[in-house]
Amino acid sequence: MARNLQSGERLRPVDLARGHGLSTQAIRNYEEAGILPAAARTPHGYRTYTSLHAGALRAFLALVPGHGHRTATSIMRTVNQGAVDEAFRLIDESHAQLLDDRRTLRAVESALRDLDPTTAPEPAAASGTDGTFIGPLAGKLGIRPATLRAWERTGLVRPRRDPRTGYRVYDEADVRDARLAHQLRRGGYLLEQIAPLIAQVRSAGGLEPLEAALGDWHGRLSARGRAMLTGAAELEAYLRRRG
């Protein structure tokens, strides 16, 4: 091979696989995907690996939890092709995405804090039923009724119709969803980004049970950030080994 793969101890596919609970087929697949450098071959055609391949495998497996399988694969492939700057760009993109996810979480938490749970919906006196009509709700939020109708078309709010008048009636949950959507829209988020959160609030039965989900979200982001540090350390070790 043109590149010196530090041909110390020869390792078989099974030697690499055992240490990480993988199959030998997985090792071969990783090599074919470019995650590992190309293996040398014995006169009988059997693959032989070295400590460099072991380092590449450790780096890849450490990158996956923080960057995902697809991006980790791309990082390792570009490194093994000698395009280290491209690998760094991919890593930067992952960090930027993590930062964006943190900003989204903060915006959601801010929107939830801004929702006043003690504020009751306006009664729709003309209908004789609990709830509020589109005009009073739009006025309360400082938006146009057309905006509420647009949100209804995308599923962000789901008012019922008064059987006598046909008017939209927004109950307490609808008002909550509208206020949450309003806060997130003010934060610059698109309707398609808001819809999953509204669905989660509905499935949780309100805002309070969502606190656990937000705490889990924090934990997952922190774990991802720490995993990125671990991946960076293993990748740096691999880069030094490659020289």
Foldseek 3Di string as FASTA:
>chain_A
DPAPQVPDDKDALVRLCVVPVHDSVVLVVLCVLQLFPAFDADPVGGGIHDVLRSLSVQLLVLVCLQQNNVLSSVLSNCVNVVNNVVSVVSLVVSVVVLVVLVVVLVLLVVLLVPDDPVDAADQPVVLVDGFDFLVVLCVVLVHDSVVVVVLVVVPLAPFDARPVPRTGGGHRLRSVSVSSVSSVVVVVDDSVVSVVVSVVCVVLVHDVSCVVVSVVSVVSSVVSVVSSVSSVVSVVVSSVSSD
